[in-house]
Protein backbone atom coordinates (compact mmCIF):
# COMPACT_ATOMS: atom_id res chain seq x y z
CA MET A 1 120.72 61.03 19.86
CA ILE A 2 118.31 63.57 21.37
CA PRO A 3 115.22 62.06 23.04
CA ALA A 4 111.96 62.95 21.28
CA ALA A 5 110.52 64.52 24.44
CA ILE A 6 113.33 67.10 24.55
CA ASN A 7 113.10 67.74 20.83
CA ASN A 8 109.32 68.21 20.91
CA PRO A 9 107.88 70.11 23.92
CA VAL A 10 104.33 69.07 23.02
CA VAL A 11 105.30 65.40 23.39
CA ALA A 12 106.93 66.18 26.75
CA TYR A 13 103.80 68.06 27.86
CA SER A 14 101.58 65.17 26.78
CA LYS A 15 103.67 62.68 28.78
CA LEU A 16 103.58 64.90 31.86
CA VAL A 17 99.79 65.29 31.65
CA ARG A 18 99.40 61.50 31.41
CA ARG A 19 101.67 61.14 34.46
CA MET A 20 99.61 63.78 36.27
CA GLY A 21 96.41 61.86 35.50
CA LYS A 22 97.75 58.93 37.51
CA ASP A 23 98.98 61.08 40.41
CA GLU A 24 96.31 60.94 43.12
CA ARG A 25 97.77 63.96 44.94
CA LEU A 26 96.69 66.31 42.13
CA MET A 27 93.34 67.97 41.60
CA ALA A 28 91.81 69.64 38.53
CA THR A 29 93.25 72.99 39.64
CA HIS A 30 96.79 71.56 39.38
CA ILE A 31 96.13 70.38 35.82
CA SER A 32 94.57 73.72 34.90
CA LEU A 33 97.53 75.66 36.30
CA PHE A 34 99.97 73.30 34.59
CA THR A 35 98.20 73.92 31.27
CA ALA A 36 98.42 77.68 31.85
CA LEU A 37 102.15 77.25 32.48
CA PHE A 38 102.47 75.33 29.20
CA VAL A 39 100.79 78.22 27.35
CA GLN A 40 103.27 80.66 28.91
CA CYS A 41 106.18 78.37 28.00
CA GLN A 42 104.89 78.19 24.42
CA ARG A 43 104.58 81.99 24.23
CA ASN A 44 108.18 82.21 25.39
CA GLY A 45 109.36 80.01 22.53
CA PHE A 46 109.76 76.91 24.73
CA ILE A 47 112.83 78.43 26.39
CA SER A 48 113.34 77.71 30.07
CA PRO A 49 113.20 79.54 32.44
CA PHE A 50 110.31 81.76 31.45
CA PRO A 51 108.70 84.62 33.41
CA VAL A 52 105.19 84.30 34.80
CA THR A 53 102.89 86.47 36.86
CA ARG A 54 100.24 85.29 39.27
CA LYS A 55 97.60 87.44 37.59
CA GLU A 56 98.17 85.92 34.14
CA LEU A 57 98.30 82.34 35.41
CA MET A 58 95.20 82.74 37.56
CA GLY A 59 93.34 84.15 34.56
CA TYR A 60 94.37 81.36 32.19
CA SER A 61 93.73 78.60 34.71
CA ARG A 62 90.49 80.12 36.06
CA ILE A 63 91.72 79.88 39.63
CA ALA A 64 89.91 82.54 41.65
CA SER A 65 91.63 82.15 45.01
CA ILE A 66 95.17 83.42 45.61
CA ALA A 67 95.59 80.78 48.33
CA THR A 68 94.64 77.99 45.90
CA TYR A 69 97.03 79.37 43.28
CA HIS A 70 99.94 79.45 45.74
CA LYS A 71 99.12 75.98 47.03
CA CYS A 72 98.98 74.51 43.50
CA ILE A 73 102.14 76.15 42.19
CA ARG A 74 104.04 75.19 45.34
CA GLU A 75 102.87 71.58 45.03
CA LEU A 76 103.71 71.38 41.31
CA ASP A 77 107.21 72.46 42.29
CA GLU A 78 107.31 70.09 45.27
CA TYR A 79 106.16 67.13 43.13
CA GLU A 80 108.81 68.06 40.52
CA TYR A 81 106.49 68.81 37.60
CA ILE A 82 108.11 72.26 37.37
CA CYS A 83 110.83 74.21 39.11
CA TYR A 84 109.33 77.44 40.48
CA GLN A 85 111.49 80.39 41.50
CA PRO A 86 109.34 83.13 43.08
CA SER A 87 110.55 86.72 42.75
CA TYR A 88 108.10 88.51 45.07
CA ASP A 89 108.20 91.41 42.58
CA PRO A 90 104.87 91.90 40.75
CA VAL A 91 106.51 93.78 37.88
CA LYS A 92 109.42 91.41 37.29
CA GLY A 93 107.46 88.16 37.68
CA SER A 94 108.61 84.78 38.88
CA LEU A 95 110.60 82.24 36.88
CA VAL A 96 109.48 78.75 35.97
CA TYR A 97 111.84 76.10 34.68
CA TRP A 98 109.94 73.73 32.42
CA PRO A 99 111.08 70.11 32.28
CA ASP A 100 112.92 69.14 29.09
CA CYS A 101 113.23 72.69 27.74
CA PRO A 102 116.53 74.11 26.60
CA VAL A 103 118.16 76.47 29.08
CA PRO A 104 119.96 79.39 27.37
């Protein structure tokens, strides 16, 4: 039997946000960036990994500082909310592996 969280990405997202609410290491910018990542995952058909660019994520999450963006995305990866694979290529974009998403 497939767990409901894997079958329904919205349920998985909801559980992760509840977990994040209890995590005292995280600030509002982490939650905002995580929500922007969810939007990108949704636009990619909930397939993991999905490409992201700093410019798009900063716009969606309303993070104005590049340093804050890099700190938050690094910490989300470090705290195992996502798996972030930077590309250092602004055209190609980085890859994010979303928890509980099918990997092709």
